[in-house]
């Protein structure tokens, strides 16, 4: 299921392309593709796999592009929603990593739901940033 929620970032790429933001669109498309491929691959020792690091690079690439636009160009009324989604995404991933909850919960179903929510919240945040440009 995680692999299909990666396509939330395809909608972000389309939205960015429609707003004539080619770097943003390319970063979102790259994350969509890398996330889909990574989540359909064998996860055994995933941190040793090149796909993991490619996916991480795409995550950070889109995050940097989004943060740049959010800090320097976004309409302030969209900024609050943008920051809330950033904080929620960080909580779901890094907070879960540090506490073995959320995306890293020992219950696979709970971890899956949180990871899918993280994809949704992240894409929603990028849509808010793009809408505010």
N, C-alpha and C. Protein backbone atom coordinates (compact mmCIF):
# COMPACT_ATOMS: atom_id res chain seq x y z
N UNK A 1 0.81 -1.20 0.00
CA UNK A 1 0.00 0.00 0.00
C UNK A 1 0.86 1.27 0.00
N UNK A 2 2.02 1.23 0.71
CA UNK A 2 2.89 2.40 0.75
C UNK A 2 3.31 2.84 -0.64
N UNK A 3 3.54 1.84 -1.52
CA UNK A 3 4.01 2.19 -2.86
C UNK A 3 2.96 3.01 -3.61
N UNK A 4 1.69 2.76 -3.35
CA UNK A 4 0.65 3.49 -4.07
C UNK A 4 0.49 4.90 -3.53
N UNK A 5 0.72 5.10 -2.23
CA UNK A 5 0.61 6.46 -1.70
C UNK A 5 1.77 7.34 -2.18
N UNK A 6 2.80 6.74 -2.74
CA UNK A 6 3.88 7.53 -3.33
C UNK A 6 3.34 8.40 -4.47
N UNK A 7 2.24 7.96 -5.07
CA UNK A 7 1.66 8.73 -6.18
C UNK A 7 0.98 10.02 -5.73
N UNK A 8 0.85 10.23 -4.41
CA UNK A 8 0.41 11.54 -3.94
C UNK A 8 1.39 12.61 -4.44
N UNK A 9 2.66 12.23 -4.55
CA UNK A 9 3.67 13.20 -5.01
C UNK A 9 3.59 13.44 -6.51
N UNK A 10 2.92 12.56 -7.25
CA UNK A 10 2.68 12.82 -8.67
C UNK A 10 1.72 14.00 -8.81
N UNK A 11 0.74 14.08 -7.90
CA UNK A 11 -0.19 15.21 -7.95
C UNK A 11 0.54 16.51 -7.62
N UNK A 12 1.53 16.41 -6.73
CA UNK A 12 2.35 17.58 -6.41
C UNK A 12 3.15 18.00 -7.64
N UNK A 13 3.71 17.04 -8.35
CA UNK A 13 4.48 17.35 -9.56
C UNK A 13 3.60 18.01 -10.61
N UNK A 14 2.40 17.50 -10.79
CA UNK A 14 1.47 18.07 -11.76
C UNK A 14 1.09 19.50 -11.36
N UNK A 15 0.81 19.71 -10.08
CA UNK A 15 0.45 21.03 -9.58
C UNK A 15 1.61 22.02 -9.80
N UNK A 16 2.82 21.57 -9.48
CA UNK A 16 3.99 22.44 -9.66
C UNK A 16 4.22 22.76 -11.14
N UNK A 17 4.04 21.78 -12.01
CA UNK A 17 4.20 22.00 -13.44
C UNK A 17 3.15 22.99 -13.95
N UNK A 18 1.93 22.87 -13.44
CA UNK A 18 0.86 23.78 -13.85
C UNK A 18 1.15 25.21 -13.41
N UNK A 19 1.87 25.37 -12.30
CA UNK A 19 2.24 26.70 -11.81
C UNK A 19 3.59 27.16 -12.38
N UNK A 20 4.10 26.40 -13.36
CA UNK A 20 5.36 26.71 -14.03
C UNK A 20 6.53 26.79 -13.06
N UNK A 21 6.63 25.75 -12.23
CA UNK A 21 7.73 25.60 -11.28
C UNK A 21 8.48 24.31 -11.64
N UNK A 22 9.33 24.35 -12.66
CA UNK A 22 9.93 23.12 -13.17
C UNK A 22 10.84 22.39 -12.17
N UNK A 23 11.57 23.10 -11.35
CA UNK A 23 12.45 22.45 -10.37
C UNK A 23 11.60 21.74 -9.32
N UNK A 24 10.54 22.41 -8.87
CA UNK A 24 9.63 21.82 -7.89
C UNK A 24 8.97 20.57 -8.50
N UNK A 25 8.51 20.69 -9.74
CA UNK A 25 7.86 19.56 -10.41
C UNK A 25 8.83 18.38 -10.57
N UNK A 26 10.05 18.66 -10.94
CA UNK A 26 11.03 17.59 -11.12
C UNK A 26 11.36 16.92 -9.79
N UNK A 27 11.49 17.70 -8.73
CA UNK A 27 11.79 17.13 -7.41
C UNK A 27 10.64 16.24 -6.93
N UNK A 28 9.40 16.69 -7.15
CA UNK A 28 8.25 15.89 -6.73
C UNK A 28 8.12 14.62 -7.57
N UNK A 29 8.37 14.73 -8.87
CA UNK A 29 8.32 13.55 -9.74
C UNK A 29 9.41 12.55 -9.37
N UNK A 30 10.59 13.05 -9.04
CA UNK A 30 11.69 12.17 -8.64
C UNK A 30 11.34 11.43 -7.35
N UNK A 31 10.73 12.14 -6.39
CA UNK A 31 10.33 11.47 -5.15
C UNK A 31 9.23 10.45 -5.39
N UNK A 32 8.28 10.78 -6.23
CA UNK A 32 7.22 9.83 -6.57
C UNK A 32 7.82 8.54 -7.12
N UNK A 33 8.72 8.68 -8.07
CA UNK A 33 9.33 7.51 -8.71
C UNK A 33 10.21 6.74 -7.72
N UNK A 34 11.05 7.44 -6.98
CA UNK A 34 11.97 6.74 -6.07
C UNK A 34 11.21 6.06 -4.94
N UNK A 35 10.18 6.72 -4.44
CA UNK A 35 9.40 6.13 -3.36
C UNK A 35 8.65 4.90 -3.83
N UNK A 36 8.07 4.97 -5.02
CA UNK A 36 7.36 3.81 -5.56
C UNK A 36 8.32 2.63 -5.73
N UNK A 37 9.46 2.87 -6.34
CA UNK A 37 10.43 1.79 -6.58
C UNK A 37 10.96 1.25 -5.26
N UNK A 38 11.30 2.14 -4.33
CA UNK A 38 11.83 1.69 -3.05
C UNK A 38 10.81 0.83 -2.29
N UNK A 39 9.56 1.28 -2.26
CA UNK A 39 8.55 0.56 -1.49
C UNK A 39 8.09 -0.74 -2.15
N UNK A 40 8.45 -0.95 -3.39
CA UNK A 40 8.14 -2.23 -4.04
C UNK A 40 9.35 -3.17 -4.04
N UNK A 41 10.48 -2.71 -3.52
CA UNK A 41 11.70 -3.53 -3.52
C UNK A 41 11.79 -4.37 -2.25
N UNK A 42 12.74 -5.28 -2.24
CA UNK A 42 13.03 -6.11 -1.07
C UNK A 42 13.62 -5.22 0.03
N UNK A 43 13.03 -5.26 1.22
CA UNK A 43 13.46 -4.38 2.31
C UNK A 43 14.53 -4.99 3.22
N UNK A 44 15.00 -6.18 2.93
CA UNK A 44 16.01 -6.81 3.77
C UNK A 44 17.28 -5.95 3.76
N UNK A 45 17.73 -5.56 4.94
CA UNK A 45 18.90 -4.69 5.07
C UNK A 45 18.79 -3.47 4.14
N UNK A 46 17.63 -2.82 4.22
CA UNK A 46 17.33 -1.75 3.26
C UNK A 46 18.33 -0.61 3.30
N UNK A 47 18.94 -0.33 4.44
CA UNK A 47 19.89 0.79 4.49
C UNK A 47 21.17 0.50 3.72
N UNK A 48 21.40 -0.76 3.39
CA UNK A 48 22.56 -1.11 2.59
C UNK A 48 22.25 -1.08 1.10
N UNK A 49 21.03 -0.83 0.73
CA UNK A 49 20.60 -0.84 -0.67
C UNK A 49 20.70 0.56 -1.27
N UNK A 50 21.19 0.66 -2.50
CA UNK A 50 21.26 1.97 -3.16
C UNK A 50 19.89 2.65 -3.28
N UNK A 51 18.83 1.86 -3.44
CA UNK A 51 17.50 2.46 -3.57
C UNK A 51 17.11 3.28 -2.34
N UNK A 52 17.51 2.81 -1.18
CA UNK A 52 17.23 3.54 0.05
C UNK A 52 17.87 4.93 0.00
N UNK A 53 19.12 4.98 -0.40
CA UNK A 53 19.83 6.26 -0.42
C UNK A 53 19.34 7.16 -1.54
N UNK A 54 18.93 6.59 -2.65
CA UNK A 54 18.34 7.38 -3.74
C UNK A 54 17.03 7.99 -3.25
N UNK A 55 16.20 7.18 -2.58
CA UNK A 55 14.93 7.68 -2.04
C UNK A 55 15.19 8.78 -1.01
N UNK A 56 16.17 8.58 -0.14
CA UNK A 56 16.50 9.61 0.86
C UNK A 56 16.94 10.91 0.19
N UNK A 57 17.74 10.80 -0.87
CA UNK A 57 18.18 12.00 -1.59
C UNK A 57 16.99 12.73 -2.21
N UNK A 58 16.04 11.97 -2.75
CA UNK A 58 14.85 12.59 -3.35
C UNK A 58 13.97 13.24 -2.28
N UNK A 59 13.87 12.61 -1.11
CA UNK A 59 13.11 13.19 0.01
C UNK A 59 13.73 14.53 0.39
N UNK A 60 15.04 14.55 0.61
CA UNK A 60 15.70 15.78 1.01
C UNK A 60 15.68 16.82 -0.10
N UNK A 61 15.77 16.38 -1.34
CA UNK A 61 15.69 17.32 -2.47
C UNK A 61 14.37 18.05 -2.50
N UNK A 62 13.27 17.31 -2.38
CA UNK A 62 11.95 17.94 -2.39
C UNK A 62 11.76 18.80 -1.14
N UNK A 63 12.26 18.33 -0.01
CA UNK A 63 12.14 19.10 1.23
C UNK A 63 12.87 20.44 1.11
N UNK A 64 14.04 20.42 0.53
CA UNK A 64 14.82 21.66 0.37
C UNK A 64 14.11 22.62 -0.58
N UNK A 65 13.60 22.10 -1.69
CA UNK A 65 12.87 22.97 -2.63
C UNK A 65 11.64 23.56 -1.94
N UNK A 66 10.89 22.71 -1.25
CA UNK A 66 9.69 23.19 -0.56
C UNK A 66 10.01 24.22 0.51
N UNK A 67 11.04 23.95 1.30
CA UNK A 67 11.42 24.91 2.35
C UNK A 67 11.90 26.23 1.76
N UNK A 68 12.63 26.16 0.66
CA UNK A 68 13.08 27.40 0.00
C UNK A 68 11.88 28.26 -0.38
N UNK A 69 10.91 27.66 -1.06
CA UNK A 69 9.74 28.43 -1.47
C UNK A 69 8.92 28.88 -0.27
N UNK A 70 8.85 28.04 0.77
CA UNK A 70 8.06 28.40 1.94
C UNK A 70 8.69 29.56 2.70
N UNK A 71 9.99 29.59 2.78
CA UNK A 71 10.67 30.64 3.53
C UNK A 71 10.73 31.95 2.75
N UNK A 72 10.98 31.87 1.43
CA UNK A 72 11.26 33.08 0.67
C UNK A 72 10.14 33.58 -0.24
N UNK A 73 9.16 32.74 -0.57
CA UNK A 73 8.22 33.17 -1.59
C UNK A 73 6.74 32.97 -1.27
N UNK A 74 6.39 32.22 -0.26
CA UNK A 74 5.01 31.84 -0.04
C UNK A 74 4.18 32.98 0.55
N UNK A 75 2.92 33.02 0.17
CA UNK A 75 1.95 33.92 0.78
C UNK A 75 1.78 33.48 2.23
N UNK A 76 1.79 34.39 3.16
CA UNK A 76 1.80 34.07 4.59
C UNK A 76 0.61 33.23 5.04
N UNK A 77 -0.56 33.39 4.41
CA UNK A 77 -1.72 32.61 4.86
C UNK A 77 -1.54 31.11 4.59
N UNK A 78 -0.70 30.76 3.64
CA UNK A 78 -0.41 29.35 3.36
C UNK A 78 0.76 28.85 4.21
N UNK A 79 1.55 29.77 4.73
CA UNK A 79 2.74 29.42 5.48
C UNK A 79 2.42 28.62 6.74
N UNK A 80 1.37 28.98 7.44
CA UNK A 80 1.02 28.28 8.69
C UNK A 80 0.70 26.82 8.41
N UNK A 81 -0.12 26.57 7.40
CA UNK A 81 -0.46 25.19 7.05
C UNK A 81 0.79 24.45 6.60
N UNK A 82 1.65 25.11 5.86
CA UNK A 82 2.90 24.51 5.41
C UNK A 82 3.76 24.07 6.58
N UNK A 83 3.93 24.95 7.57
CA UNK A 83 4.75 24.61 8.74
C UNK A 83 4.11 23.50 9.57
N UNK A 84 2.79 23.50 9.68
CA UNK A 84 2.11 22.42 10.42
C UNK A 84 2.37 21.08 9.74
N UNK A 85 2.29 21.04 8.42
CA UNK A 85 2.53 19.77 7.73
C UNK A 85 3.99 19.33 7.84
N UNK A 86 4.91 20.29 7.84
CA UNK A 86 6.33 19.95 8.04
C UNK A 86 6.51 19.31 9.41
N UNK A 87 5.96 19.93 10.43
CA UNK A 87 6.11 19.41 11.79
C UNK A 87 5.44 18.05 11.96
N UNK A 88 4.28 17.87 11.35
CA UNK A 88 3.59 16.58 11.44
C UNK A 88 4.37 15.48 10.71
N UNK A 89 4.94 15.81 9.57
CA UNK A 89 5.75 14.84 8.83
C UNK A 89 6.98 14.45 9.64
N UNK A 90 7.64 15.43 10.24
CA UNK A 90 8.81 15.15 11.08
C UNK A 90 8.40 14.30 12.28
N UNK A 91 7.27 14.60 12.88
CA UNK A 91 6.80 13.82 14.02
C UNK A 91 6.53 12.37 13.61
N UNK A 92 5.85 12.17 12.48
CA UNK A 92 5.53 10.81 12.05
C UNK A 92 6.78 10.00 11.74
N UNK A 93 7.78 10.63 11.14
CA UNK A 93 8.97 9.88 10.76
C UNK A 93 10.03 9.89 11.87
N UNK A 94 10.60 11.04 12.17
CA UNK A 94 11.71 11.09 13.13
C UNK A 94 11.25 10.84 14.55
N UNK A 95 10.09 11.38 14.90
CA UNK A 95 9.55 11.10 16.24
C UNK A 95 9.28 9.61 16.40
N UNK A 96 8.73 9.00 15.37
CA UNK A 96 8.48 7.57 15.39
C UNK A 96 9.76 6.76 15.42
N UNK A 97 10.77 7.23 14.70
CA UNK A 97 12.07 6.54 14.69
C UNK A 97 12.69 6.53 16.09
N UNK A 98 12.64 7.67 16.74
CA UNK A 98 13.26 7.80 18.06
C UNK A 98 12.51 7.05 19.15
N UNK A 99 11.19 6.87 18.96
CA UNK A 99 10.39 6.24 20.01
C UNK A 99 9.80 4.88 19.61
N UNK A 100 10.19 4.37 18.46
CA UNK A 100 9.64 3.10 17.94
C UNK A 100 8.11 3.12 17.86
N UNK A 101 7.59 4.24 17.40
CA UNK A 101 6.14 4.38 17.19
C UNK A 101 5.91 4.92 15.78
N UNK A 102 4.71 5.30 15.50
CA UNK A 102 4.31 5.88 14.21
C UNK A 102 4.82 5.02 13.06
N UNK A 103 5.64 5.57 12.20
CA UNK A 103 6.13 4.83 11.02
C UNK A 103 7.03 3.66 11.39
N UNK A 104 7.49 3.62 12.62
CA UNK A 104 8.39 2.55 13.08
C UNK A 104 7.75 1.69 14.17
N UNK A 105 6.44 1.72 14.23
CA UNK A 105 5.71 0.94 15.24
C UNK A 105 5.96 -0.55 15.03
N UNK A 106 5.99 -1.30 16.13
CA UNK A 106 6.19 -2.75 16.02
C UNK A 106 5.00 -3.44 15.37
N UNK A 107 3.83 -2.83 15.44
CA UNK A 107 2.66 -3.35 14.74
C UNK A 107 2.76 -2.90 13.28
N UNK A 108 2.96 -3.84 12.38
CA UNK A 108 3.17 -3.49 10.97
C UNK A 108 2.02 -2.68 10.39
N UNK A 109 0.79 -3.01 10.78
CA UNK A 109 -0.37 -2.30 10.25
C UNK A 109 -0.36 -0.84 10.70
N UNK A 110 -0.06 -0.59 11.98
CA UNK A 110 0.01 0.80 12.46
C UNK A 110 1.13 1.57 11.77
N UNK A 111 2.27 0.93 11.59
CA UNK A 111 3.39 1.57 10.90
C UNK A 111 3.02 1.90 9.45
N UNK A 112 2.31 0.99 8.80
CA UNK A 112 1.88 1.20 7.42
C UNK A 112 0.92 2.38 7.32
N UNK A 113 -0.05 2.43 8.22
CA UNK A 113 -1.01 3.53 8.22
C UNK A 113 -0.30 4.87 8.45
N UNK A 114 0.62 4.89 9.39
CA UNK A 114 1.36 6.13 9.66
C UNK A 114 2.21 6.55 8.47
N UNK A 115 2.83 5.59 7.81
CA UNK A 115 3.66 5.91 6.64
C UNK A 115 2.78 6.47 5.51
N UNK A 116 1.63 5.87 5.30
CA UNK A 116 0.71 6.37 4.28
C UNK A 116 0.23 7.78 4.63
N UNK A 117 -0.06 8.00 5.91
CA UNK A 117 -0.47 9.34 6.35
C UNK A 117 0.66 10.34 6.15
N UNK A 118 1.89 9.90 6.38
CA UNK A 118 3.04 10.77 6.18
C UNK A 118 3.15 11.19 4.70
N UNK A 119 2.93 10.25 3.78
CA UNK A 119 2.93 10.60 2.35
C UNK A 119 1.83 11.61 2.05
N UNK A 120 0.64 11.38 2.60
CA UNK A 120 -0.49 12.28 2.36
C UNK A 120 -0.21 13.68 2.92
N UNK A 121 0.23 13.74 4.17
CA UNK A 121 0.50 15.03 4.81
C UNK A 121 1.62 15.77 4.09
N UNK A 122 2.66 15.05 3.69
CA UNK A 122 3.76 15.69 2.97
C UNK A 122 3.29 16.27 1.64
N UNK A 123 2.52 15.50 0.89
CA UNK A 123 2.01 15.99 -0.39
C UNK A 123 1.07 17.17 -0.18
N UNK A 124 0.21 17.09 0.84
CA UNK A 124 -0.70 18.19 1.15
C UNK A 124 0.08 19.46 1.47
N UNK A 125 1.14 19.31 2.25
CA UNK A 125 1.97 20.47 2.57
C UNK A 125 2.58 21.10 1.33
N UNK A 126 3.06 20.28 0.42
CA UNK A 126 3.64 20.81 -0.82
C UNK A 126 2.57 21.47 -1.68
N UNK A 127 1.36 20.92 -1.70
CA UNK A 127 0.27 21.56 -2.44
C UNK A 127 -0.03 22.94 -1.84
N UNK A 128 0.01 23.05 -0.51
CA UNK A 128 -0.23 24.35 0.13
C UNK A 128 0.86 25.35 -0.24
N UNK A 129 2.10 24.88 -0.24
CA UNK A 129 3.21 25.76 -0.60
C UNK A 129 3.05 26.24 -2.05
N UNK A 130 2.76 25.32 -2.95
CA UNK A 130 2.61 25.67 -4.36
C UNK A 130 1.42 26.60 -4.56
N UNK A 131 0.32 26.35 -3.86
CA UNK A 131 -0.86 27.21 -3.98
C UNK A 131 -0.57 28.63 -3.48
N UNK A 132 0.34 28.74 -2.52
CA UNK A 132 0.66 30.04 -1.97
C UNK A 132 1.69 30.84 -2.74
N UNK A 133 2.16 30.29 -3.86
CA UNK A 133 3.17 31.00 -4.66
C UNK A 133 2.52 31.90 -5.70
